[in-house]
PDB file of N, CA and C in Angstrom:
ATOM      1  N   MET A   1     116.429  70.747  17.085  1.00  0.00           N
ATOM      2  CA  MET A   1     115.818  70.222  16.351  1.00  0.00           C
ATOM      3  C   MET A   1     114.436  71.070  17.139  1.00  0.00           C
ATOM      4  N   ASP A   2     113.673  70.948  15.537  1.00  0.00           N
ATOM      5  CA  ASP A   2     112.560  71.896  15.682  1.00  0.00           C
ATOM      6  C   ASP A   2     111.404  71.061  16.933  1.00  0.00           C
ATOM      7  N   LYS A   3     111.178  71.918  17.822  1.00  0.00           N
ATOM      8  CA  LYS A   3     109.907  71.333  19.000  1.00  0.00           C
ATOM      9  C   LYS A   3     108.968  71.154  18.139  1.00  0.00           C
ATOM     10  N   ASP A   4     108.796  71.071  17.447  1.00  0.00           N
ATOM     11  CA  ASP A   4     107.356  70.260  16.417  1.00  0.00           C
ATOM     12  C   ASP A   4     107.424  68.990  16.280  1.00  0.00           C
ATOM     13  N   ALA A   5     108.949  68.723  15.988  1.00  0.00           N
ATOM     14  CA  ALA A   5     109.379  67.551  15.461  1.00  0.00           C
ATOM     15  C   ALA A   5     109.408  66.543  16.839  1.00  0.00           C
ATOM     16  N   TYR A   6     109.431  67.050  17.884  1.00  0.00           N
ATOM     17  CA  TYR A   6     109.292  65.781  19.283  1.00  0.00           C
ATOM     18  C   TYR A   6     108.095  64.958  19.338  1.00  0.00           C
ATOM     19  N   LYS A   7     108.068  64.078  19.901  1.00  0.00           N
ATOM     20  CA  LYS A   7     106.959  63.078  20.420  1.00  0.00           C
ATOM     21  C   LYS A   7     107.372  64.220  22.237  1.00  0.00           C
ATOM     22  N   GLU A   8     105.913  64.710  22.453  1.00  0.00           N
ATOM     23  CA  GLU A   8     106.438  65.355  23.853  1.00  0.00           C
ATOM     24  C   GLU A   8     105.691  63.958  24.677  1.00  0.00           C
ATOM     25  N   PHE A   9     105.855  64.348  26.297  1.00  0.00           N
ATOM     26  CA  PHE A   9     105.317  63.361  27.345  1.00  0.00           C
ATOM     27  C   PHE A   9     105.441  64.424  28.585  1.00  0.00           C
ATOM     28  N   ASN A  10     104.449  64.453  29.037  1.00  0.00           N
ATOM     29  CA  ASN A  10     104.441  65.308  30.091  1.00  0.00           C
ATOM     30  C   ASN A  10     103.373  64.685  31.317  1.00  0.00           C
ATOM     31  N   GLY A  11     103.068  63.178  31.067  1.00  0.00           N
ATOM     32  CA  GLY A  11     102.439  62.858  32.122  1.00  0.00           C
ATOM     33  C   GLY A  11     100.921  63.180  32.452  1.00  0.00           C
ATOM     34  N   GLY A  12     100.477  63.897  31.099  1.00  0.00           N
ATOM     35  CA  GLY A  12      99.056  64.168  31.153  1.00  0.00           C
ATOM     36  C   GLY A  12      98.953  65.453  32.038  1.00  0.00           C
ATOM     37  N   VAL A  13      99.629  66.094  32.153  1.00  0.00           N
ATOM     38  CA  VAL A  13      99.284  67.592  33.057  1.00  0.00           C
ATOM     39  C   VAL A  13      98.604  68.154  32.232  1.00  0.00           C
ATOM     40  N   THR A  14      97.670  68.951  32.442  1.00  0.00           N
ATOM     41  CA  THR A  14      97.076  70.375  32.398  1.00  0.00           C
ATOM     42  C   THR A  14      97.627  71.320  32.469  1.00  0.00           C
ATOM     43  N   ALA A  15      96.852  72.833  31.643  1.00  0.00           N
ATOM     44  CA  ALA A  15      97.134  73.709  32.159  1.00  0.00           C
ATOM     45  C   ALA A  15      96.203  74.252  33.145  1.00  0.00           C
ATOM     46  N   GLU A  16      95.262  73.354  33.393  1.00  0.00           N
ATOM     47  CA  GLU A  16      94.750  73.735  35.073  1.00  0.00           C
ATOM     48  C   GLU A  16      95.372  72.945  35.808  1.00  0.00           C
ATOM     49  N   ASN A  17      96.204  72.015  35.858  1.00  0.00           N
ATOM     50  CA  ASN A  17      96.884  71.465  36.558  1.00  0.00           C
ATOM     51  C   ASN A  17      98.229  72.477  37.323  1.00  0.00           C
ATOM     52  N   VAL A  18      98.279  72.927  36.116  1.00  0.00           N
ATOM     53  CA  VAL A  18      98.850  74.468  36.538  1.00  0.00           C
ATOM     54  C   VAL A  18      98.788  75.233  37.508  1.00  0.00           C
ATOM     55  N   GLU A  19      98.038  75.470  36.994  1.00  0.00           N
ATOM     56  CA  GLU A  19      97.100  76.799  37.633  1.00  0.00           C
ATOM     57  C   GLU A  19      96.600  76.267  39.132  1.00  0.00           C
ATOM     58  N   GLN A  20      96.535  75.387  39.269  1.00  0.00           N
ATOM     59  CA  GLN A  20      96.092  74.901  40.860  1.00  0.00           C
ATOM     60  C   GLN A  20      97.448  74.822  41.361  1.00  0.00           C
ATOM     61  N   TRP A  21      98.197  74.022  40.836  1.00  0.00           N
ATOM     62  CA  TRP A  21      99.408  74.217  41.333  1.00  0.00           C
ATOM     63  C   TRP A  21     100.390  75.131  41.749  1.00  0.00           C
ATOM     64  N   LYS A  22     100.031  76.464  41.088  1.00  0.00           N
ATOM     65  CA  LYS A  22     100.456  78.080  41.105  1.00  0.00           C
ATOM     66  C   LYS A  22      99.723  78.556  42.396  1.00  0.00           C
ATOM     67  N   LYS A  23      98.501  78.085  42.325  1.00  0.00           N
ATOM     68  CA  LYS A  23      97.903  78.707  43.820  1.00  0.00           C
ATOM     69  C   LYS A  23      98.247  77.592  44.965  1.00  0.00           C
ATOM     70  N   GLN A  24      98.462  76.712  44.910  1.00  0.00           N
ATOM     71  CA  GLN A  24      99.304  76.116  45.968  1.00  0.00           C
ATOM     72  C   GLN A  24     100.633  76.209  46.607  1.00  0.00           C
ATOM     73  N   HIS A  25     101.542  76.567  45.747  1.00  0.00           N
ATOM     74  CA  HIS A  25     102.807  76.340  45.925  1.00  0.00           C
ATOM     75  C   HIS A  25     103.591  77.931  44.898  1.00  0.00           C
ATOM     76  N   GLY A  26     102.765  78.649  44.826  1.00  0.00           N
ATOM     77  CA  GLY A  26     103.526  79.789  44.306  1.00  0.00           C
ATOM     78  C   GLY A  26     103.915  79.666  42.803  1.00  0.00           C
ATOM     79  N   LYS A  27     105.458  79.653  43.191  1.00  0.00           N
ATOM     80  CA  LYS A  27     105.923  79.146  41.361  1.00  0.00           C
ATOM     81  C   LYS A  27     106.231  77.898  41.209  1.00  0.00           C
ATOM     82  N   VAL A  28     106.068  77.593  40.000  1.00  0.00           N
ATOM     83  CA  VAL A  28     105.798  76.432  39.401  1.00  0.00           C
ATOM     84  C   VAL A  28     106.846  76.726  38.097  1.00  0.00           C
ATOM     85  N   PHE A  29     107.766  75.672  37.852  1.00  0.00           N
ATOM     86  CA  PHE A  29     108.553  75.374  37.194  1.00  0.00           C
ATOM     87  C   PHE A  29     108.339  73.990  36.340  1.00  0.00           C
ATOM     88  N   CYS A  30     108.816  74.691  34.703  1.00  0.00           N
ATOM     89  CA  CYS A  30     108.855  73.333  33.816  1.00  0.00           C
ATOM     90  C   CYS A  30     110.228  72.874  33.647  1.00  0.00           C
ATOM     91  N   ILE A  31     110.346  71.503  33.873  1.00  0.00           N
ATOM     92  CA  ILE A  31     111.965  71.652  33.392  1.00  0.00           C
ATOM     93  C   ILE A  31     111.795  70.630  32.060  1.00  0.00           C
ATOM     94  N   GLU A  32     112.468  70.712  30.565  1.00  0.00           N
ATOM     95  CA  GLU A  32     112.023  70.069  29.860  1.00  0.00           C
ATOM     96  C   GLU A  32     113.695  69.470  29.196  1.00  0.00           C
ATOM     97  N   VAL A  33     113.343  68.001  29.099  1.00  0.00           N
ATOM     98  CA  VAL A  33     114.669  66.690  28.806  1.00  0.00           C
ATOM     99  C   VAL A  33     114.381  66.161  27.268  1.00  0.00           C
ATOM    100  N   GLU A  34     115.456  66.460  26.628  1.00  0.00           N
ATOM    101  CA  GLU A  34     115.659  66.283  25.106  1.00  0.00           C
ATOM    102  C   GLU A  34     116.045  64.964  25.076  1.00  0.00           C
ATOM    103  N   ASP A  35     115.245  63.834  24.573  1.00  0.00           N
ATOM    104  CA  ASP A  35     116.347  62.730  24.496  1.00  0.00           C
ATOM    105  C   ASP A  35     116.030  62.093  23.407  1.00  0.00           C
ATOM    106  N   GLY A  36     116.584  62.356  22.453  1.00  0.00           N
ATOM    107  CA  GLY A  36     116.396  61.963  20.855  1.00  0.00           C
ATOM    108  C   GLY A  36     115.189  62.844  20.441  1.00  0.00           C
ATOM    109  N   ASP A  37     114.531  62.152  20.040  1.00  0.00           N
ATOM    110  CA  ASP A  37     113.077  62.322  19.268  1.00  0.00           C
ATOM    111  C   ASP A  37     112.189  63.030  20.106  1.00  0.00           C
ATOM    112  N   ASP A  38     112.250  62.783  21.754  1.00  0.00           N
ATOM    113  CA  ASP A  38     111.632  62.728  22.850  1.00  0.00           C
ATOM    114  C   ASP A  38     111.583  64.033  23.796  1.00  0.00           C
ATOM    115  N   LEU A  39     110.370  64.263  24.055  1.00  0.00           N
ATOM    116  CA  LEU A  39     110.830  65.664  25.010  1.00  0.00           C
ATOM    117  C   LEU A  39     109.817  65.495  26.120  1.00  0.00           C
ATOM    118  N   HIS A  40     110.853  65.171  27.415  1.00  0.00           N
ATOM    119  CA  HIS A  40     109.873  64.852  28.297  1.00  0.00           C
ATOM    120  C   HIS A  40     109.858  66.002  29.068  1.00  0.00           C
ATOM    121  N   LYS A  41     108.661  66.406  29.726  1.00  0.00           N
ATOM    122  CA  LYS A  41     108.714  67.756  30.869  1.00  0.00           C
ATOM    123  C   LYS A  41     108.207  67.293  32.042  1.00  0.00           C
ATOM    124  N   GLY A  42     108.620  67.877  33.257  1.00  0.00           N
ATOM    125  CA  GLY A  42     108.457  67.673  34.482  1.00  0.00           C
ATOM    126  C   GLY A  42     108.169  69.302  35.357  1.00  0.00           C
ATOM    127  N   TYR A  43     107.251  68.701  36.149  1.00  0.00           N
ATOM    128  CA  TYR A  43     106.774  69.954  37.021  1.00  0.00           C
ATOM    129  C   TYR A  43     107.143  70.243  38.226  1.00  0.00           C
ATOM    130  N   PHE A  44     107.385  71.173  38.824  1.00  0.00           N
ATOM    131  CA  PHE A  44     108.430  71.032  40.013  1.00  0.00           C
ATOM    132  C   PHE A  44     107.979  72.825  40.643  1.00  0.00           C
ATOM    133  N   ARG A  45     107.933  72.466  41.808  1.00  0.00           N
ATOM    134  CA  ARG A  45     108.135  73.772  42.918  1.00  0.00           C
ATOM    135  C   ARG A  45     109.049  74.138  43.851  1.00  0.00           C
ATOM    136  N   ARG A  46     109.349  75.266  43.984  1.00  0.00           N
ATOM    137  CA  ARG A  46     110.350  75.096  44.771  1.00  0.00           C
ATOM    138  C   ARG A  46     110.835  74.655  45.994  1.00  0.00           C
ATOM    139  N   PRO A  47     111.802  74.226  46.387  1.00  0.00           N
ATOM    140  CA  PRO A  47     111.864  73.131  48.086  1.00  0.00           C
ATOM    141  C   PRO A  47     111.484  74.152  48.915  1.00  0.00           C
ATOM    142  N   SER A  48     110.766  73.321  50.284  1.00  0.00           N
ATOM    143  CA  SER A  48     110.488  74.046  51.256  1.00  0.00           C
ATOM    144  C   SER A  48     112.064  73.936  52.408  1.00  0.00           C
ATOM    145  N   ILE A  49     112.224  74.319  53.338  1.00  0.00           N
ATOM    146  CA  ILE A  49     113.143  74.573  54.236  1.00  0.00           C
ATOM    147  C   ILE A  49     113.700  72.796  54.805  1.00  0.00           C
ATOM    148  N   ASP A  50     112.397  72.445  54.831  1.00  0.00           N
ATOM    149  CA  ASP A  50     112.413  70.793  55.661  1.00  0.00           C
ATOM    150  C   ASP A  50     113.163  69.818  54.185  1.00  0.00           C
ATOM    151  N   ILE A  51     112.882  70.388  52.929  1.00  0.00           N
ATOM    152  CA  ILE A  51     113.217  69.589  51.748  1.00  0.00           C
ATOM    153  C   ILE A  51     114.685  69.807  51.760  1.00  0.00           C
ATOM    154  N   MET A  52     115.034  71.367  52.022  1.00  0.00           N
ATOM    155  CA  MET A  52     116.246  72.137  51.801  1.00  0.00           C
ATOM    156  C   MET A  52     117.329  71.227  53.303  1.00  0.00           C
ATOM    157  N   ALA A  53     116.635  71.437  54.047  1.00  0.00           N
ATOM    158  CA  ALA A  53     117.525  70.609  55.168  1.00  0.00           C
ATOM    159  C   ALA A  53     117.808  68.979  54.990  1.00  0.00           C
ATOM    160  N   ALA A  54     117.024  68.565  54.343  1.00  0.00           N
ATOM    161  CA  ALA A  54     117.254  67.192  54.391  1.00  0.00           C
ATOM    162  C   ALA A  54     118.151  66.891  53.204  1.00  0.00           C
ATOM    163  N   VAL A  55     118.416  67.890  52.122  1.00  0.00           N
ATOM    164  CA  VAL A  55     119.330  67.330  50.965  1.00  0.00           C
ATOM    165  C   VAL A  55     120.578  67.465  51.692  1.00  0.00           C
ATOM    166  N   THR A  56     121.208  68.966  52.025  1.00  0.00           N
ATOM    167  CA  THR A  56     122.046  69.323  52.796  1.00  0.00           C
ATOM    168  C   THR A  56     122.156  68.153  53.829  1.00  0.00           C
ATOM    169  N   LYS A  57     121.664  67.586  54.737  1.00  0.00           N
ATOM    170  CA  LYS A  57     122.424  66.607  55.435  1.00  0.00           C
ATOM    171  C   LYS A  57     122.580  65.054  54.782  1.00  0.00           C
ATOM    172  N   LEU A  58     121.326  64.880  53.731  1.00  0.00           N
ATOM    173  CA  LEU A  58     122.318  63.649  52.790  1.00  0.00           C
ATOM    174  C   LEU A  58     123.359  64.125  51.657  1.00  0.00           C
ATOM    175  N   SER A  59     123.474  65.159  51.088  1.00  0.00           N
ATOM    176  CA  SER A  59     124.451  65.709  50.403  1.00  0.00           C
ATOM    177  C   SER A  59     126.067  65.407  50.963  1.00  0.00           C
ATOM    178  N   LYS A  60     126.268  65.204  52.312  1.00  0.00           N
ATOM    179  CA  LYS A  60     127.578  64.738  52.672  1.00  0.00           C
ATOM    180  C   LYS A  60     127.970  63.270  52.432  1.00  0.00           C
ATOM    181  N   THR A  61     126.903  62.449  52.402  1.00  0.00           N
ATOM    182  CA  THR A  61     127.312  61.309  52.792  1.00  0.00           C
ATOM    183  C   THR A  61     126.817  60.427  50.791  1.00  0.00           C
ATOM    184  N   ASP A  62     125.886  60.830  50.782  1.00  0.00           N
ATOM    185  CA  ASP A  62     125.321  60.406  49.232  1.00  0.00           C
ATOM    186  C   ASP A  62     124.328  61.243  48.621  1.00  0.00           C
ATOM    187  N   GLU A  63     125.468  62.125  47.481  1.00  0.00           N
ATOM    188  CA  GLU A  63     125.030  62.794  46.521  1.00  0.00           C
ATOM    189  C   GLU A  63     123.713  62.469  46.113  1.00  0.00           C
ATOM    190  N   VAL A  64     123.620  61.213  45.472  1.00  0.00           N
ATOM    191  CA  VAL A  64     122.796  60.392  44.952  1.00  0.00           C
ATOM    192  C   VAL A  64     121.231  60.460  45.524  1.00  0.00           C
ATOM    193  N   LYS A  65     121.323  60.051  47.028  1.00  0.00           N
ATOM    194  CA  LYS A  65     119.908  60.096  47.504  1.00  0.00           C
ATOM    195  C   LYS A  65     119.778  61.226  47.685  1.00  0.00           C
ATOM    196  N   SER A  66     120.894  61.991  48.015  1.00  0.00           N
ATOM    197  CA  SER A  66     120.257  63.643  47.799  1.00  0.00           C
ATOM    198  C   SER A  66     119.819  64.136  47.023  1.00  0.00           C
ATOM    199  N   GLY A  67     119.971  64.090  45.934  1.00  0.00           N
ATOM    200  CA  GLY A  67     119.205  64.400  44.444  1.00  0.00           C
ATOM    201  C   GLY A  67     118.119  64.378  44.499  1.00  0.00           C
ATOM    202  N   LYS A  68     118.144  63.161  44.484  1.00  0.00           N
ATOM    203  CA  LYS A  68     116.958  62.299  44.645  1.00  0.00           C
ATOM    204  C   LYS A  68     115.495  63.000  45.664  1.00  0.00           C
ATOM    205  N   THR A  69     116.146  63.136  46.700  1.00  0.00           N
ATOM    206  CA  THR A  69     115.041  63.946  47.664  1.00  0.00           C
ATOM    207  C   THR A  69     114.921  65.038  47.431  1.00  0.00           C
ATOM    208  N   LEU A  70     115.602  66.024  46.890  1.00  0.00           N
ATOM    209  CA  LEU A  70     115.393  66.834  46.419  1.00  0.00           C
ATOM    210  C   LEU A  70     114.456  67.022  45.086  1.00  0.00           C
ATOM    211  N   PHE A  71     114.458  65.645  44.341  1.00  0.00           N
ATOM    212  CA  PHE A  71     113.626  65.894  42.931  1.00  0.00           C
ATOM    213  C   PHE A  71     112.773  65.722  43.350  1.00  0.00           C
ATOM    214  N   ASP A  72     111.992  64.470  44.318  1.00  0.00           N
ATOM    215  CA  ASP A  72     110.770  63.936  44.741  1.00  0.00           C
ATOM    216  C   ASP A  72     110.063  65.082  45.609  1.00  0.00           C
ATOM    217  N   GLY A  73     111.150  66.262  46.398  1.00  0.00           N
ATOM    218  CA  GLY A  73     110.275  66.755  47.264  1.00  0.00           C
ATOM    219  C   GLY A  73     109.871  67.911  46.284  1.00  0.00           C
ATOM    220  N   CYS A  74     110.273  68.021  45.116  1.00  0.00           N
ATOM    221  CA  CYS A  74     109.588  69.308  44.383  1.00  0.00           C
ATOM    222  C   CYS A  74     108.952  68.728  43.085  1.00  0.00           C
ATOM    223  N   TRP A  75     109.016  67.604  43.020  1.00  0.00           N
ATOM    224  CA  TRP A  75     108.330  67.028  41.800  1.00  0.00           C
ATOM    225  C   TRP A  75     106.538  67.247  42.005  1.00  0.00           C
ATOM    226  N   LEU A  76     105.988  67.581  41.110  1.00  0.00           N
ATOM    227  CA  LEU A  76     104.663  67.840  40.967  1.00  0.00           C
ATOM    228  C   LEU A  76     103.879  66.995  40.364  1.00  0.00           C
ATOM    229  N   GLY A  77     104.420  66.764  39.023  1.00  0.00           N
ATOM    230  CA  GLY A  77     103.904  65.613  38.244  1.00  0.00           C
ATOM    231  C   GLY A  77     104.973  66.072  36.274  1.00  0.00           C
ATOM    232  N   GLY A  78     104.260  64.864  36.236  1.00  0.00           N
ATOM    233  CA  GLY A  78     104.931  65.220  34.290  1.00  0.00           C
ATOM    234  C   GLY A  78     105.293  63.725  34.025  1.00  0.00           C
ATOM    235  N   SER A  79     106.252  63.470  32.986  1.00  0.00           N
ATOM    236  CA  SER A  79     106.577  62.367  32.274  1.00  0.00           C
ATOM    237  C   SER A  79     107.406  61.393  33.662  1.00  0.00           C
ATOM    238  N   GLU A  80     107.001  60.208  33.529  1.00  0.00           N
ATOM    239  CA  GLU A  80     107.706  59.479  34.897  1.00  0.00           C
ATOM    240  C   GLU A  80     108.760  59.343  34.296  1.00  0.00           C
ATOM    241  N   PRO A  81     109.473  58.928  32.973  1.00  0.00           N
ATOM    242  CA  PRO A  81     110.530  58.352  32.840  1.00  0.00           C
ATOM    243  C   PRO A  81     111.725  59.534  33.621  1.00  0.00           C
ATOM    244  N   LEU A  82     111.314  60.690  33.633  1.00  0.00           N
ATOM    245  CA  LEU A  82     112.421  61.564  34.305  1.00  0.00           C
ATOM    246  C   LEU A  82     112.700  61.097  35.583  1.00  0.00           C
ATOM    247  N   ARG A  83     111.351  60.646  36.627  1.00  0.00           N
ATOM    248  CA  ARG A  83     112.184  60.183  37.692  1.00  0.00           C
ATOM    249  C   ARG A  83     112.659  58.431  37.567  1.00  0.00           C
ATOM    250  N   GLN A  84     112.552  57.594  36.306  1.00  0.00           N
ATOM    251  CA  GLN A  84     112.997  56.606  36.158  1.00  0.00           C
ATOM    252  C   GLN A  84     114.393  56.041  36.035  1.00  0.00           C
ATOM    253  N   ASP A  85     114.427  56.949  34.706  1.00  0.00           N
ATOM    254  CA  ASP A  85     115.670  56.877  33.734  1.00  0.00           C
ATOM    255  C   ASP A  85     116.506  57.438  34.379  1.00  0.00           C
ATOM    256  N   SER A  86     117.904  56.900  34.224  1.00  0.00           N
ATOM    257  CA  SER A  86     118.920  57.659  35.200  1.00  0.00           C
ATOM    258  C   SER A  86     119.361  58.837  34.494  1.00  0.00           C
ATOM    259  N   VAL A  87     119.605  58.909  32.960  1.00  0.00           N
ATOM    260  CA  VAL A  87     120.354  59.536  32.563  1.00  0.00           C
ATOM    261  C   VAL A  87     119.294  61.009  32.491  1.00  0.00           C
ATOM    262  N   LEU A  88     117.709  60.848  32.163  1.00  0.00           N
ATOM    263  CA  LEU A  88     116.949  61.757  31.976  1.00  0.00           C
ATOM    264  C   LEU A  88     116.771  62.410  33.485  1.00  0.00           C
ATOM    265  N   PHE A  89     117.000  61.405  34.452  1.00  0.00           N
ATOM    266  CA  PHE A  89     117.105  61.764  35.897  1.00  0.00           C
ATOM    267  C   PHE A  89     117.984  62.901  36.289  1.00  0.00           C
ATOM    268  N   LEU A  90     119.502  62.714  36.018  1.00  0.00           N
ATOM    269  CA  LEU A  90     120.598  63.132  36.172  1.00  0.00           C
ATOM    270  C   LEU A  90     119.980  64.824  35.210  1.00  0.00           C
ATOM    271  N   THR A  91     119.998  64.696  34.591  1.00  0.00           N
ATOM    272  CA  THR A  91     119.393  65.960  32.974  1.00  0.00           C
ATOM    273  C   THR A  91     118.642  66.813  33.700  1.00  0.00           C
ATOM    274  N   CYS A  92     117.786  66.193  34.527  1.00  0.00           N
ATOM    275  CA  CYS A  92     116.757  66.817  34.768  1.00  0.00           C
ATOM    276  C   CYS A  92     116.889  67.453  36.277  1.00  0.00           C
ATOM    277  N   LEU A  93     117.886  66.925  37.038  1.00  0.00           N
ATOM    278  CA  LEU A  93     118.550  66.854  38.140  1.00  0.00           C
ATOM    279  C   LEU A  93     119.259  68.509  38.194  1.00  0.00           C
ATOM    280  N   GLN A  94     120.307  68.319  37.134  1.00  0.00           N
ATOM    281  CA  GLN A  94     121.188  69.489  36.817  1.00  0.00           C
ATOM    282  C   GLN A  94     120.335  71.017  36.941  1.00  0.00           C
ATOM    283  N   GLN A  95     119.406  70.624  35.830  1.00  0.00           N
ATOM    284  CA  GLN A  95     118.156  71.867  35.626  1.00  0.00           C
ATOM    285  C   GLN A  95     117.698  72.336  37.095  1.00  0.00           C
ATOM    286  N   LEU A  96     117.111  71.112  37.846  1.00  0.00           N
ATOM    287  CA  LEU A  96     116.688  71.639  38.837  1.00  0.00           C
ATOM    288  C   LEU A  96     118.015  72.440  40.133  1.00  0.00           C
ATOM    289  N   ASN A  97     118.717  71.550  39.604  1.00  0.00           N
ATOM    290  CA  ASN A  97     119.751  72.940  40.761  1.00  0.00           C
ATOM    291  C   ASN A  97     120.136  74.065  40.558  1.00  0.00           C
ATOM    292  N   VAL A  98     119.782  74.360  39.108  1.00  0.00           N
ATOM    293  CA  VAL A  98     119.778  75.687  38.424  1.00  0.00           C
ATOM    294  C   VAL A  98     118.626  76.722  39.328  1.00  0.00           C
ATOM    295  N   LEU A  99     117.652  76.077  39.444  1.00  0.00           N
ATOM    296  CA  LEU A  99     116.119  76.363  40.231  1.00  0.00           C
ATOM    297  C   LEU A  99     116.848  77.229  41.579  1.00  0.00           C
ATOM    298  N   LEU A 100     117.897  76.648  42.130  1.00  0.00           N
ATOM    299  CA  LEU A 100     117.865  77.307  43.599  1.00  0.00           C
ATOM    300  C   LEU A 100     119.241  78.089  44.078  1.00  0.00           C
ATOM    301  N   THR A 101     119.349  78.714  42.523  1.00  0.00           N
ATOM    302  CA  THR A 101     120.393  79.648  42.579  1.00  0.00           C
ATOM    303  C   THR A 101     119.490  80.462  41.626  1.00  0.00           C
ATOM    304  N   SER A 102     118.452  80.586  40.967  1.00  0.00           N
ATOM    305  CA  SER A 102     117.623  81.960  40.389  1.00  0.00           C
ATOM    306  C   SER A 102     117.601  82.621  41.133  1.00  0.00           C
ATOM    307  N   ALA A 103     117.289  82.972  42.705  1.00  0.00           N
ATOM    308  CA  ALA A 103     117.016  84.424  43.052  1.00  0.00           C
ATOM    309  C   ALA A 103     118.281  84.962  43.553  1.00  0.00           C
ATOM    310  N   THR A 104     118.272  85.950  43.150  1.00  0.00           N
ATOM    311  CA  THR A 104     119.402  87.162  43.611  1.00  0.00           C
ATOM    312  C   THR A 104     119.310  88.119  44.963  1.00  0.00           C
ATOM    313  N   GLY A 105     120.435  88.230  45.964  1.00  0.00           N
ATOM    314  CA  GLY A 105     120.088  88.961  46.808  1.00  0.00           C
ATOM    315  C   GLY A 105     121.222  90.013  46.757  1.00  0.00           C
ATOM    316  N   ARG A 106     120.810  91.374  47.307  1.00  0.00           N
ATOM    317  CA  ARG A 106     122.345  92.608  47.740  1.00  0.00           C
ATOM    318  C   ARG A 106     121.999  92.462  49.275  1.00  0.00           C
ATOM    319  N   VAL A 107     123.335  93.553  49.515  1.00  0.00           N
ATOM    320  CA  VAL A 107     123.179  93.912  50.755  1.00  0.00           C
ATOM    321  C   VAL A 107     123.286  95.600  50.234  1.00  0.00           C
ATOM    322  N   LYS A 108     122.614  96.051  51.192  1.00  0.00           N
ATOM    323  CA  LYS A 108     122.646  98.013  51.231  1.00  0.00           C
ATOM    324  C   LYS A 108     123.464  98.301  52.689  1.00  0.00           C
ATOM    325  N   ASN A 109     124.436  98.547  52.821  1.00  0.00           N
ATOM    326  CA  ASN A 109     125.002  99.629  53.945  1.00  0.00           C
ATOM    327  C   ASN A 109     123.962 100.789  53.902  1.00  0.00           C
ATOM    328  N   LEU A 110     123.421 100.963  55.201  1.00  0.00           N
ATOM    329  CA  LEU A 110     122.412 101.826  55.180  1.00  0.00           C
ATOM    330  C   LEU A 110     123.020 102.952  56.416  1.00  0.00           C
TER     331      LEU A 110
END
């Protein structure tokens, strides 16, 4: 579907909000979730080490709580249905997990 045909929900986030978040957190990411004619946007930062520690600990016993901890710990703002609707939440969480593997590294033998 053409993006112009969507009804967009971003929780009232402005370009100024995004710039402020970038100054505060460094990288900021927008995750878009399509639901019929609706386009929901959520804004996230990279997780801190403390958040990752909590996510790792919870993932051993409750993957949903682990995912919610990651989501809430990285959430900056956006469409509230992303937090409240389980289908939208899980779709957004899948993309948030992609963020965790977005950096690459390499080892060089010296």
